């Protein structure tokens, strides 16, 4: 099996670099200091007052203010003549890691140096003090001070990242949040701003101000986005007339829907081109691999790790962003808005699992829901291909794979293992499972047609692709024992597999005929459990190597 590579590739963050630090004194003679740099700029106000103008935004500056300006921005620092500004200007860039990265590795964007938005922190004296210390020791005489400067610089970066995250902590205005949630859940009904303001306990005019501060949109814009994005979802997934769609999303007729649709998208509903999607987000890496296989790199992947599926016949992602599944709803929404996502592909089961109801995300982009457990990976691929109008490409890949399946099945059915009963046992820290039709079970039982234990076969016949696994007790091992065991051990959170000793050292295990005859294969979880087209294809190759050799 050593000739078959793993499909998992790593992603790495770049290194932060302090390019230059300057001290700026604005006076009545030099009241304006213009800023236009090719890297991110941190301005820390050590004293005085003034304003900073960038694009159409104005920020009031005072002692303790910190502001992060994106690269290539045109900004102006304007002093108050009575209280001249003293500021520090720190240029922040990134460098890719030195030395060769693992094959297929991807360099990720940095949270500070790649932000597309101006970040304003009105009262951060600790960050200002660190920047000032960095300036004072900018030309270290000794290496120990140089190392201290590196630590100090990264402490500044850490503080900025923590401040960015803290922006998304639950807002202290629960009434406003309740009104927004109500709007997200009832956008297809007639709702007035007065109703929402009353729900929030504020005036109509103040409600609009607070709403825009929290969401970035006016209440009318937000409702329009919810309705149009829901209309897009229906255009993708459900056949129906424009009139039916209009009524479902809260518009009185198809003409009003068409007018609103064109205002927001520039095209009519009938001209909505799903094949033009370029910026798609996916929930969890299996759906990312479907998109990569179809030739579309996800702009964002919401995942539990920053690994992704990669093989020699897939181009490595160039700009894909990872968002961790433990991020807050507001962090996810903000990242998706910043990356201008046009479509979100997710299973509702996964969204709910991580606290991300579709209603929360619909204002960002339409959501194409793909059921996870209710269908198999081939149907997942077909539905995603339909959503982005790449069905031909999906069917070509599936046809080629099915030929590989037939050839592999023919070879394996001529071997000795064809007459055996195979049990797939999964050992988790707190659970013992026997696998069925999915994950490694798909290749063993469906692709190769090998024989499962009788009880597993009954469940497969009853549930088909929906049958994932059965939890069992250790004392039940003999009831599911085949003539050969395939074992997958899931490590605990610390990476230990010591919990498997409980199984392997038990009399229930030692008494099994397959164990006594050494018909046991230990499989790597990362190579045999993933459930997506790329991984399934590689699992088929691994199974051939396992059962009939290279």
Protein backbone atom coordinates (compact mmCIF):
# COMPACT_ATOMS: atom_id res chain seq x y z
CA UNK A 1 0.00 0.00 0.00
CA UNK A 2 2.99 2.32 0.32
CA UNK A 3 2.76 3.39 -3.32
CA UNK A 4 -0.61 5.09 -2.78
CA UNK A 5 -0.25 8.63 -1.47
CA UNK A 6 -2.49 10.20 1.15
CA UNK A 7 -4.95 12.71 -0.27
CA UNK A 8 -4.62 15.10 2.66
CA UNK A 9 -2.62 18.29 2.25
CA UNK A 10 -1.75 20.85 4.90
CA UNK A 11 -2.21 24.59 4.92
CA UNK A 12 0.24 27.01 6.52
CA UNK A 13 0.07 30.63 7.66
CA UNK A 14 2.76 33.06 6.48
CA UNK A 15 5.20 34.78 8.83
CA UNK A 16 4.49 38.33 10.02
CA UNK A 17 7.18 40.93 9.35
CA UNK A 18 7.65 44.46 10.70
CA UNK A 19 8.79 46.32 7.60
CA UNK A 20 9.29 49.79 9.08
CA UNK A 21 8.27 51.92 12.06
CA UNK A 22 8.09 55.72 12.12
CA UNK A 23 7.20 58.44 14.59
CA UNK A 24 4.80 61.07 13.20
CA UNK A 25 4.27 64.54 14.64
CA UNK A 26 1.55 66.55 12.95
CA UNK A 27 1.69 70.29 13.60
CA UNK A 28 0.01 73.41 12.27
CA UNK A 29 2.77 73.58 9.65
CA UNK A 30 2.15 69.95 8.59
CA UNK A 31 -1.52 69.38 9.48
CA UNK A 32 -2.09 66.51 7.04
CA UNK A 33 -0.06 63.33 6.70
CA UNK A 34 -1.03 61.19 3.69
CA UNK A 35 -0.82 57.41 3.86
CA UNK A 36 -0.61 55.11 0.83
CA UNK A 37 1.41 51.95 1.36
CA UNK A 38 1.62 48.63 -0.45
CA UNK A 39 1.37 46.77 2.89
CA UNK A 40 -0.92 46.94 5.91
CA UNK A 41 -0.39 50.02 8.12
CA UNK A 42 -0.93 50.21 11.88
CA UNK A 43 -1.42 53.71 13.28
CA UNK A 44 -1.09 54.02 17.08
CA UNK A 45 -1.95 57.40 18.62
CA UNK A 46 0.43 58.26 21.49
CA UNK A 47 -0.96 61.76 22.08
CA UNK A 48 -3.08 64.58 20.72
CA UNK A 49 -6.29 64.49 18.71
CA UNK A 50 -7.36 64.48 15.09
CA UNK A 51 -9.17 62.50 12.43
CA UNK A 52 -8.27 59.89 9.86
CA UNK A 53 -10.06 59.89 6.50
CA UNK A 54 -10.10 56.81 4.33
CA UNK A 55 -12.38 56.48 1.32
CA UNK A 56 -15.73 57.87 2.51
CA UNK A 57 -15.14 57.09 6.20
CA UNK A 58 -13.92 59.42 8.96
CA UNK A 59 -12.48 58.17 12.26
CA UNK A 60 -11.92 60.36 15.32
CA UNK A 61 -8.47 59.87 16.86
CA UNK A 62 -7.33 60.39 20.44
CA UNK A 63 -4.61 59.10 22.74
CA UNK A 64 -4.85 55.30 22.87
CA UNK A 65 -6.54 54.91 19.48
CA UNK A 66 -5.29 52.15 17.19
CA UNK A 67 -6.33 51.85 13.56
CA UNK A 68 -5.36 49.18 11.02
CA UNK A 69 -5.40 50.34 7.38
CA UNK A 70 -5.47 47.79 4.53
CA UNK A 71 -2.68 47.75 1.94
CA UNK A 72 -3.02 50.11 -1.06
CA UNK A 73 -5.49 52.36 0.79
CA UNK A 74 -5.47 56.13 0.38
CA UNK A 75 -5.81 57.71 3.82
CA UNK A 76 -5.13 61.08 5.39
CA UNK A 77 -4.14 61.74 9.02
CA UNK A 78 -5.36 65.23 9.95
CA UNK A 79 -4.28 66.83 13.24
CA UNK A 80 -6.20 69.03 15.66
CA UNK A 81 -4.24 72.31 15.70
CA UNK A 82 -4.89 72.80 19.42
CA UNK A 83 -3.84 69.24 20.31
CA UNK A 84 -1.30 68.07 17.69
CA UNK A 85 -1.14 64.36 17.05
CA UNK A 86 1.83 62.18 17.93
CA UNK A 87 1.41 58.82 16.21
CA UNK A 88 3.46 55.77 15.39
CA UNK A 89 3.20 54.20 11.95
CA UNK A 90 4.07 50.50 11.77
CA UNK A 91 4.17 48.75 8.39
CA UNK A 92 3.15 45.08 8.60
CA UNK A 93 3.71 42.53 5.85
CA UNK A 94 3.93 38.77 5.56
CA UNK A 95 6.44 36.34 4.11
CA UNK A 96 5.86 32.76 3.07
CA UNK A 97 7.63 30.12 5.10
CA UNK A 98 11.26 29.55 4.20
CA UNK A 99 12.14 26.17 2.74
CA UNK A 100 10.05 23.71 0.76
CA UNK A 101 6.50 23.06 1.96
CA UNK A 102 4.90 19.58 1.77
CA UNK A 103 3.45 18.69 -1.62
CA UNK A 104 0.11 20.37 -2.20
CA UNK A 105 0.48 22.64 0.85
CA UNK A 106 -1.37 25.95 0.67
CA UNK A 107 -0.35 29.26 2.24
CA UNK A 108 -3.29 30.83 4.07
CA UNK A 109 -4.14 34.50 4.45
CA UNK A 110 -3.15 36.28 7.64
CA UNK A 111 -5.88 37.83 9.77
CA UNK A 112 -4.07 41.13 10.27
CA UNK A 113 -2.11 41.73 7.06
CA UNK A 114 -4.82 40.54 4.65
CA UNK A 115 -7.91 42.21 6.07
CA UNK A 116 -9.81 44.12 3.34
CA UNK A 117 -11.44 46.43 5.90
CA UNK A 118 -10.21 49.27 8.06
CA UNK A 119 -10.19 48.13 11.71
CA UNK A 120 -10.74 50.84 14.32
CA UNK A 121 -10.05 50.35 18.04
CA UNK A 122 -10.75 53.59 19.94
CA UNK A 123 -9.10 52.78 23.29
CA UNK A 124 -6.15 50.40 23.25
CA UNK A 125 -3.38 52.02 25.33
CA UNK A 126 -1.62 48.67 25.85
CA UNK A 127 -1.12 48.21 22.10
CA UNK A 128 0.05 51.83 21.77
CA UNK A 129 2.57 51.28 24.60
CA UNK A 130 3.95 48.17 22.87
CA UNK A 131 4.29 50.02 19.55
CA UNK A 132 6.06 52.88 21.32
CA UNK A 133 8.50 50.44 22.96
CA UNK A 134 9.13 48.85 19.57
CA UNK A 135 9.96 52.29 18.14
CA UNK A 136 12.32 53.18 21.01
CA UNK A 137 14.29 49.97 20.48
CA UNK A 138 14.00 49.91 16.68
CA UNK A 139 17.78 49.80 16.26
CA UNK A 140 18.90 47.20 18.81
CA UNK A 141 22.54 47.12 19.77
CA UNK A 142 22.42 43.56 21.08
CA UNK A 143 20.83 40.41 19.70
CA UNK A 144 18.93 39.85 22.93
CA UNK A 145 17.08 43.14 22.30
CA UNK A 146 16.47 42.08 18.70
CA UNK A 147 14.76 38.90 19.94
CA UNK A 148 12.78 40.95 22.48
CA UNK A 149 11.62 43.15 19.60
CA UNK A 150 10.45 40.11 17.65
CA UNK A 151 8.49 38.93 20.68
CA UNK A 152 7.06 42.41 21.19
CA UNK A 153 6.01 42.67 17.54
CA UNK A 154 4.23 39.33 17.68
CA UNK A 155 2.57 40.38 20.94
CA UNK A 156 1.14 43.36 19.02
CA UNK A 157 -0.08 41.00 16.27
CA UNK A 158 -1.63 38.72 18.90
CA UNK A 159 -3.44 41.65 20.54
CA UNK A 160 -4.80 42.79 17.17
CA UNK A 161 -6.08 39.30 16.36
CA UNK A 162 -7.73 39.07 19.77
CA UNK A 163 -9.38 42.46 19.23
CA UNK A 164 -10.64 41.34 15.83
CA UNK A 165 -12.21 38.26 17.42
CA UNK A 166 -13.73 40.24 20.26
CA UNK A 167 -15.72 42.30 17.75
CA UNK A 168 -17.83 39.23 17.13
CA UNK A 169 -18.65 38.36 20.74
CA UNK A 170 -22.42 38.34 21.30
CA UNK A 171 -23.72 41.91 21.24
CA UNK A 172 -25.03 43.39 24.45
CA UNK A 173 -28.32 44.34 22.80
CA UNK A 174 -30.42 41.17 23.03
CA UNK A 175 -33.58 42.98 21.98
CA UNK A 176 -31.94 44.07 18.73
CA UNK A 177 -30.69 40.54 18.15
CA UNK A 178 -34.16 39.13 18.75
CA UNK A 179 -35.64 41.51 16.20
CA UNK A 180 -33.01 40.52 13.60
CA UNK A 181 -33.61 36.82 14.25
CA UNK A 182 -37.35 37.44 13.90
CA UNK A 183 -36.74 39.14 10.55
CA UNK A 184 -34.53 36.25 9.38
CA UNK A 185 -37.26 33.75 10.24
CA UNK A 186 -40.27 35.73 8.94
CA UNK A 187 -38.89 37.67 5.96
CA UNK A 188 -41.55 36.21 3.65
CA UNK A 189 -44.27 37.87 5.75
CA UNK A 190 -45.27 41.53 5.89
CA UNK A 191 -43.04 43.16 8.50
CA UNK A 192 -42.76 46.89 9.18
CA UNK A 193 -39.84 48.77 10.65
CA UNK A 194 -42.18 49.95 13.40
CA UNK A 195 -42.81 46.31 14.43
CA UNK A 196 -39.10 45.56 14.56
CA UNK A 197 -38.31 48.76 16.48
CA UNK A 198 -41.02 47.99 19.03
CA UNK A 199 -39.58 44.48 19.44
CA UNK A 200 -36.15 46.01 20.11
CA UNK A 201 -37.56 48.65 22.44
CA UNK A 202 -36.14 51.65 20.55
CA UNK A 203 -37.47 54.37 18.26
CA UNK A 204 -37.92 53.74 14.52
CA UNK A 205 -35.06 56.06 13.55
CA UNK A 206 -32.70 54.77 16.23
CA UNK A 207 -33.55 51.21 15.24
CA UNK A 208 -32.28 51.84 11.68
CA UNK A 209 -28.99 53.19 13.05
CA UNK A 210 -28.48 50.25 15.41
CA UNK A 211 -29.51 47.76 12.73
CA UNK A 212 -26.89 49.04 10.29
CA UNK A 213 -24.22 49.02 12.99
CA UNK A 214 -24.94 45.37 13.72
CA UNK A 215 -25.47 44.04 10.18
CA UNK A 216 -23.91 46.54 7.77
CA UNK A 217 -27.28 46.94 6.02
CA UNK A 218 -30.46 48.92 6.48
CA UNK A 219 -33.53 46.88 7.52
CA UNK A 220 -34.96 47.16 3.99
CA UNK A 221 -31.68 46.09 2.38
CA UNK A 222 -31.42 43.15 4.76
CA UNK A 223 -34.96 41.97 4.04
CA UNK A 224 -34.41 42.36 0.30
CA UNK A 225 -31.24 40.24 0.49
CA UNK A 226 -33.07 37.54 2.45
CA UNK A 227 -35.88 37.42 -0.11
CA UNK A 228 -33.71 37.50 -3.23
CA UNK A 229 -31.30 34.91 -1.85
CA UNK A 230 -34.21 32.64 -0.99
CA UNK A 231 -35.52 33.13 -4.54
CA UNK A 232 -32.11 32.08 -5.87
CA UNK A 233 -32.23 28.94 -3.70
CA UNK A 234 -35.62 28.05 -5.17
CA UNK A 235 -34.39 28.73 -8.72
CA UNK A 236 -31.49 26.32 -8.12
CA UNK A 237 -33.26 23.51 -6.35
CA UNK A 238 -37.00 23.52 -6.99
CA UNK A 239 -38.89 23.61 -10.28
CA UNK A 240 -41.67 26.15 -10.17
CA UNK A 241 -43.04 29.24 -11.80
CA UNK A 242 -41.74 32.72 -11.01
CA UNK A 243 -45.13 33.55 -9.54
CA UNK A 244 -44.89 30.62 -7.12
CA UNK A 245 -41.37 31.66 -6.13
CA UNK A 246 -42.45 35.29 -5.66
CA UNK A 247 -45.24 34.31 -3.29
CA UNK A 248 -42.96 31.99 -1.32
CA UNK A 249 -40.39 34.73 -0.64
CA UNK A 250 -42.88 37.47 0.23
CA UNK A 251 -43.44 39.40 -3.02
CA UNK A 252 -46.94 39.98 -4.37
CA UNK A 253 -46.24 38.76 -7.91
CA UNK A 254 -43.54 37.70 -10.36
CA UNK A 255 -43.19 41.22 -11.80
CA UNK A 256 -42.29 42.72 -8.43
CA UNK A 257 -39.86 39.83 -7.83
CA UNK A 258 -38.23 40.42 -11.22
CA UNK A 259 -37.82 44.14 -10.52
CA UNK A 260 -36.23 43.55 -7.10
CA UNK A 261 -34.12 40.69 -8.43
CA UNK A 262 -32.68 42.84 -11.19
CA UNK A 263 -32.01 45.75 -8.82
CA UNK A 264 -29.91 43.50 -6.58
CA UNK A 265 -28.22 41.23 -9.12
CA UNK A 266 -28.28 43.11 -12.41
CA UNK A 267 -30.12 40.24 -14.12
CA UNK A 268 -33.67 38.95 -14.25
CA UNK A 269 -34.65 35.70 -12.50
CA UNK A 270 -35.03 34.00 -15.88
CA UNK A 271 -31.48 35.05 -16.76
CA UNK A 272 -29.99 33.90 -13.47
CA UNK A 273 -26.78 32.10 -14.52
CA UNK A 274 -25.75 29.48 -12.00
CA UNK A 275 -22.78 28.59 -14.17
CA UNK A 276 -21.19 31.96 -13.38
CA UNK A 277 -20.53 31.14 -9.71
CA UNK A 278 -16.93 31.95 -8.83
CA UNK A 279 -17.05 32.53 -5.08
CA UNK A 280 -18.63 29.56 -3.32
CA UNK A 281 -18.39 28.64 0.37
CA UNK A 282 -18.79 25.10 1.68
CA UNK A 283 -19.48 23.67 5.11
CA UNK A 284 -16.92 20.91 5.86
CA UNK A 285 -14.21 19.50 3.62
CA UNK A 286 -16.15 16.70 1.87
CA UNK A 287 -18.07 19.30 -0.12
CA UNK A 288 -14.85 21.21 -0.77
CA UNK A 289 -13.46 18.12 -2.51
CA UNK A 290 -16.60 17.86 -4.66
CA UNK A 291 -16.08 21.43 -5.86
CA UNK A 292 -12.36 20.94 -6.50
CA UNK A 293 -13.16 17.84 -8.52
CA UNK A 294 -15.60 19.90 -10.59
CA UNK A 295 -12.91 22.48 -11.30
CA UNK A 296 -14.14 25.20 -8.94
CA UNK A 297 -11.98 26.20 -5.99
CA UNK A 298 -14.06 27.07 -2.89
CA UNK A 299 -13.47 30.63 -1.79
CA UNK A 300 -14.20 29.64 1.82
CA UNK A 301 -14.29 26.28 3.62
CA UNK A 302 -15.84 26.13 7.09
CA UNK A 303 -14.06 23.18 8.65
CA UNK A 304 -12.72 21.59 11.83
CA UNK A 305 -9.17 21.70 10.46
CA UNK A 306 -7.14 23.40 7.78
CA UNK A 307 -6.37 20.20 5.88
CA UNK A 308 -8.02 19.68 2.53
CA UNK A 309 -8.31 16.93 -0.06
CA UNK A 310 -5.54 17.08 -2.66
CA UNK A 311 -4.18 14.69 -5.29
CA UNK A 312 -1.91 15.00 -8.29
CA UNK A 313 -4.85 15.38 -10.65
CA UNK A 314 -6.37 18.27 -8.67
CA UNK A 315 -4.90 21.76 -8.76
CA UNK A 316 -3.93 22.90 -5.27
CA UNK A 317 -6.12 25.76 -3.97
CA UNK A 318 -4.61 29.19 -4.50
CA UNK A 319 -6.77 31.48 -2.35
CA UNK A 320 -9.14 29.25 -0.37
CA UNK A 321 -9.85 30.59 3.13
CA UNK A 322 -10.55 28.36 6.13
CA UNK A 323 -12.97 29.35 8.87
CA UNK A 324 -12.96 27.12 11.94
CA UNK A 325 -16.25 25.54 12.94
CA UNK A 326 -15.91 26.93 16.47
CA UNK A 327 -16.17 30.50 15.13
CA UNK A 328 -19.20 32.52 16.18
CA UNK A 329 -22.09 33.17 13.82
CA UNK A 330 -21.00 36.79 13.46
CA UNK A 331 -17.41 35.81 12.66
CA UNK A 332 -18.62 33.44 9.95
CA UNK A 333 -21.04 36.00 8.48
CA UNK A 334 -18.40 38.73 8.48
CA UNK A 335 -15.81 36.51 6.77
CA UNK A 336 -18.32 35.40 4.13
CA UNK A 337 -19.37 38.99 3.44
CA UNK A 338 -15.74 40.15 3.23
CA UNK A 339 -15.00 37.45 0.64
CA UNK A 340 -18.14 38.31 -1.42
CA UNK A 341 -19.57 34.78 -1.33
CA UNK A 342 -22.19 34.09 -4.03
CA UNK A 343 -23.39 30.66 -2.83
CA UNK A 344 -23.11 28.56 0.34
CA UNK A 345 -23.19 24.74 0.01
CA UNK A 346 -23.93 22.89 3.23
CA UNK A 347 -25.91 20.12 4.88
CA UNK A 348 -28.50 21.49 7.27
CA UNK A 349 -27.39 18.80 9.74
CA UNK A 350 -23.87 20.28 9.77
CA UNK A 351 -25.07 23.88 9.99
CA UNK A 352 -27.22 23.07 13.03
CA UNK A 353 -24.44 20.97 14.56
CA UNK A 354 -22.20 24.04 14.68
CA UNK A 355 -24.89 26.59 15.54
CA UNK A 356 -25.25 28.03 12.04
CA UNK A 357 -28.94 28.00 11.08
CA UNK A 358 -29.55 28.69 7.37
CA UNK A 359 -31.62 31.70 8.45
CA UNK A 360 -28.49 33.26 9.99
CA UNK A 361 -26.48 33.02 6.79
CA UNK A 362 -29.10 33.70 4.11
CA UNK A 363 -28.49 37.46 4.25
CA UNK A 364 -24.91 36.74 3.12
CA UNK A 365 -25.69 34.46 0.16
CA UNK A 366 -28.20 31.85 -1.01
CA UNK A 367 -27.75 28.46 0.64
CA UNK A 368 -27.86 25.24 -1.36
CA UNK A 369 -28.64 22.52 1.15
CA UNK A 370 -27.27 19.03 0.49
CA UNK A 371 -28.54 16.30 2.79
CA UNK A 372 -25.56 14.45 4.28
CA UNK A 373 -26.72 11.15 5.69
CA UNK A 374 -29.83 10.76 3.52
CA UNK A 375 -27.83 10.15 0.35
CA UNK A 376 -24.50 8.79 -0.82
CA UNK A 377 -21.43 10.58 -2.13
CA UNK A 378 -22.37 10.09 -5.79
CA UNK A 379 -25.65 11.90 -5.24
CA UNK A 380 -23.79 14.63 -3.34
CA UNK A 381 -21.55 15.13 -6.37
CA UNK A 382 -24.46 15.16 -8.81
CA UNK A 383 -26.46 17.70 -6.80
CA UNK A 384 -23.51 20.05 -6.33
CA UNK A 385 -22.68 19.77 -10.04
CA UNK A 386 -26.31 20.61 -10.86
CA UNK A 387 -26.21 23.66 -8.59
CA UNK A 388 -23.17 25.13 -10.38
CA UNK A 389 -24.12 23.80 -13.84
CA UNK A 390 -21.25 21.34 -14.20
CA UNK A 391 -23.28 18.14 -14.46
CA UNK A 392 -21.46 16.98 -17.61
CA UNK A 393 -18.14 17.08 -15.81
CA UNK A 394 -19.56 15.13 -12.86
CA UNK A 395 -21.04 12.42 -15.09
CA UNK A 396 -17.78 12.03 -17.00
CA UNK A 397 -15.87 11.54 -13.75
CA UNK A 398 -18.46 9.09 -12.38
CA UNK A 399 -18.43 7.05 -15.61
CA UNK A 400 -14.64 6.75 -15.46
CA UNK A 401 -14.78 5.80 -11.78
CA UNK A 402 -17.44 3.15 -12.36
CA UNK A 403 -15.15 1.50 -14.91
CA UNK A 404 -12.41 1.45 -12.28
CA UNK A 405 -14.89 -0.06 -9.81
CA UNK A 406 -15.84 -2.83 -12.25
CA UNK A 407 -12.22 -3.66 -13.01
CA UNK A 408 -11.29 -3.72 -9.31
CA UNK A 409 -14.32 -5.82 -8.42
CA UNK A 410 -13.46 -8.33 -11.14
CA UNK A 411 -9.93 -8.72 -9.78
CA UNK A 412 -10.96 -9.02 -6.13
CA UNK A 413 -13.78 -11.48 -6.87
CA UNK A 414 -11.15 -13.85 -8.30
CA UNK A 415 -9.09 -13.71 -5.12
CA UNK A 416 -9.42 -15.70 -1.88
CA UNK A 417 -10.93 -12.75 -0.01
CA UNK A 418 -14.08 -13.03 -2.15
CA UNK A 419 -15.09 -16.08 -0.10
CA UNK A 420 -14.55 -14.39 3.25
CA UNK A 421 -16.75 -12.30 5.55
CA UNK A 422 -15.24 -8.90 6.35
CA UNK A 423 -16.00 -6.91 9.49
CA UNK A 424 -15.09 -3.22 9.64
CA UNK A 425 -14.56 -2.35 13.30
CA UNK A 426 -14.05 1.26 14.38
CA UNK A 427 -12.61 1.91 17.84
CA UNK A 428 -13.25 5.41 19.24
CA UNK A 429 -12.24 6.67 22.69
CA UNK A 430 -15.77 6.19 24.04
CA UNK A 431 -17.48 4.03 21.42
CA UNK A 432 -17.17 0.81 19.43
CA UNK A 433 -18.77 0.74 15.97
CA UNK A 434 -19.26 -1.70 13.12
CA UNK A 435 -19.37 0.15 9.79
CA UNK A 436 -21.88 -0.37 7.02
CA UNK A 437 -22.45 1.29 3.63
CA UNK A 438 -20.49 4.52 4.05
CA UNK A 439 -16.86 5.57 4.47
CA UNK A 440 -14.56 2.52 4.12
CA UNK A 441 -17.70 0.36 3.95
CA UNK A 442 -18.64 1.82 0.57
CA UNK A 443 -15.50 0.53 -1.15
CA UNK A 444 -15.40 -2.83 0.65
CA UNK A 445 -19.05 -3.78 0.35
CA UNK A 446 -20.37 -1.79 -2.62
CA UNK A 447 -17.43 -1.18 -4.96
CA UNK A 448 -15.80 -4.60 -4.45
CA UNK A 449 -18.92 -6.58 -3.53
CA UNK A 450 -17.27 -8.28 -0.55
CA UNK A 451 -19.40 -9.99 2.08
CA UNK A 452 -20.37 -8.18 5.32
CA UNK A 453 -21.48 -9.92 8.53
CA UNK A 454 -25.10 -11.06 8.36
CA UNK A 455 -26.43 -8.41 10.76
CA UNK A 456 -24.67 -5.64 8.84
CA UNK A 457 -25.98 -6.97 5.54
CA UNK A 458 -29.55 -6.83 6.85
CA UNK A 459 -29.13 -3.14 7.79
CA UNK A 460 -27.51 -2.36 4.43
CA UNK A 461 -30.44 -3.95 2.59
CA UNK A 462 -32.87 -1.98 4.74
CA UNK A 463 -31.21 1.45 4.74
CA UNK A 464 -28.89 1.49 1.69
CA UNK A 465 -26.52 4.48 1.58
CA UNK A 466 -28.02 5.85 4.80
CA UNK A 467 -26.61 3.01 6.89
CA UNK A 468 -23.46 4.41 8.43
CA UNK A 469 -22.68 2.15 11.40
CA UNK A 470 -23.96 0.26 14.41
CA UNK A 471 -22.69 0.93 17.94
CA UNK A 472 -21.95 -2.30 19.80
CA UNK A 473 -20.71 -3.43 23.18
CA UNK A 474 -17.39 -5.21 23.49
CA UNK A 475 -19.24 -8.34 24.58
CA UNK A 476 -21.11 -8.33 21.23
CA UNK A 477 -17.98 -8.66 19.07
CA UNK A 478 -18.59 -12.33 18.27
CA UNK A 479 -22.07 -11.51 16.91
CA UNK A 480 -20.50 -9.31 14.20
CA UNK A 481 -17.29 -11.27 13.66
CA UNK A 482 -16.25 -12.13 10.13
CA UNK A 483 -13.37 -14.24 8.95
CA UNK A 484 -11.33 -11.05 8.49
CA UNK A 485 -11.28 -7.75 10.41
CA UNK A 486 -10.48 -4.27 9.12
CA UNK A 487 -9.74 -2.05 12.13
CA UNK A 488 -9.82 1.76 12.26
CA UNK A 489 -8.74 3.43 15.52
CA UNK A 490 -9.75 7.05 16.16
CA UNK A 491 -7.23 8.79 18.46
CA UNK A 492 -8.41 10.89 21.40
CA UNK A 493 -8.04 14.68 21.54
CA UNK A 494 -4.39 14.31 22.61
CA UNK A 495 -3.60 11.96 19.72
CA UNK A 496 -3.38 8.83 21.85
CA UNK A 497 -4.77 5.45 20.74
CA UNK A 498 -4.18 3.81 24.14
CA UNK A 499 -7.95 3.29 24.52
CA UNK A 500 -7.76 0.58 21.83
CA UNK A 501 -5.93 -1.65 24.34
CA UNK A 502 -9.25 -2.20 26.09
CA UNK A 503 -10.41 -4.01 22.94
CA UNK A 504 -7.20 -5.74 21.90
CA UNK A 505 -6.43 -7.07 25.37
CA UNK A 506 -9.96 -8.28 26.11
CA UNK A 507 -10.91 -11.99 25.98
CA UNK A 508 -13.76 -11.08 23.59
CA UNK A 509 -11.14 -10.00 21.04
CA UNK A 510 -8.60 -12.74 21.67
CA UNK A 511 -11.22 -15.49 21.31
CA UNK A 512 -12.17 -14.43 17.75
CA UNK A 513 -11.13 -16.88 15.01
CA UNK A 514 -9.94 -14.04 12.74
CA UNK A 515 -7.65 -12.78 15.50
CA UNK A 516 -6.23 -16.23 16.22
CA UNK A 517 -5.53 -16.73 12.49
CA UNK A 518 -3.97 -13.25 12.16
CA UNK A 519 -6.59 -12.08 9.66
CA UNK A 520 -6.62 -8.51 10.97
CA UNK A 521 -5.67 -5.32 9.12
CA UNK A 522 -5.13 -2.00 10.91
CA UNK A 523 -6.21 0.85 8.63
CA UNK A 524 -5.23 4.53 8.86
CA UNK A 525 -8.27 6.66 9.78
CA UNK A 526 -7.17 9.54 7.52
CA UNK A 527 -6.88 7.22 4.51
CA UNK A 528 -9.98 5.06 4.91
CA UNK A 529 -12.70 7.12 6.63
CA UNK A 530 -13.15 10.28 4.46
CA UNK A 531 -16.33 10.16 2.38
CA UNK A 532 -15.92 12.13 -0.83
CA UNK A 533 -15.18 11.24 -4.48
CA UNK A 534 -11.42 11.81 -4.36
CA UNK A 535 -10.96 9.81 -1.16
CA UNK A 536 -13.27 6.98 -2.28
CA UNK A 537 -11.24 6.58 -5.47
CA UNK A 538 -8.00 6.35 -3.49
CA UNK A 539 -9.60 3.92 -1.03
CA UNK A 540 -10.47 1.69 -3.98
CA UNK A 541 -6.80 1.66 -5.01
CA UNK A 542 -5.72 0.95 -1.41
CA UNK A 543 -8.20 -1.92 -1.16
CA UNK A 544 -6.77 -3.51 -4.31
CA UNK A 545 -3.25 -3.22 -2.89
CA UNK A 546 -4.44 -4.67 0.42
CA UNK A 547 -6.23 -7.72 -0.99
CA UNK A 548 -4.32 -8.67 -4.15
CA UNK A 549 -1.01 -6.79 -3.84
CA UNK A 550 0.51 -4.07 -6.00
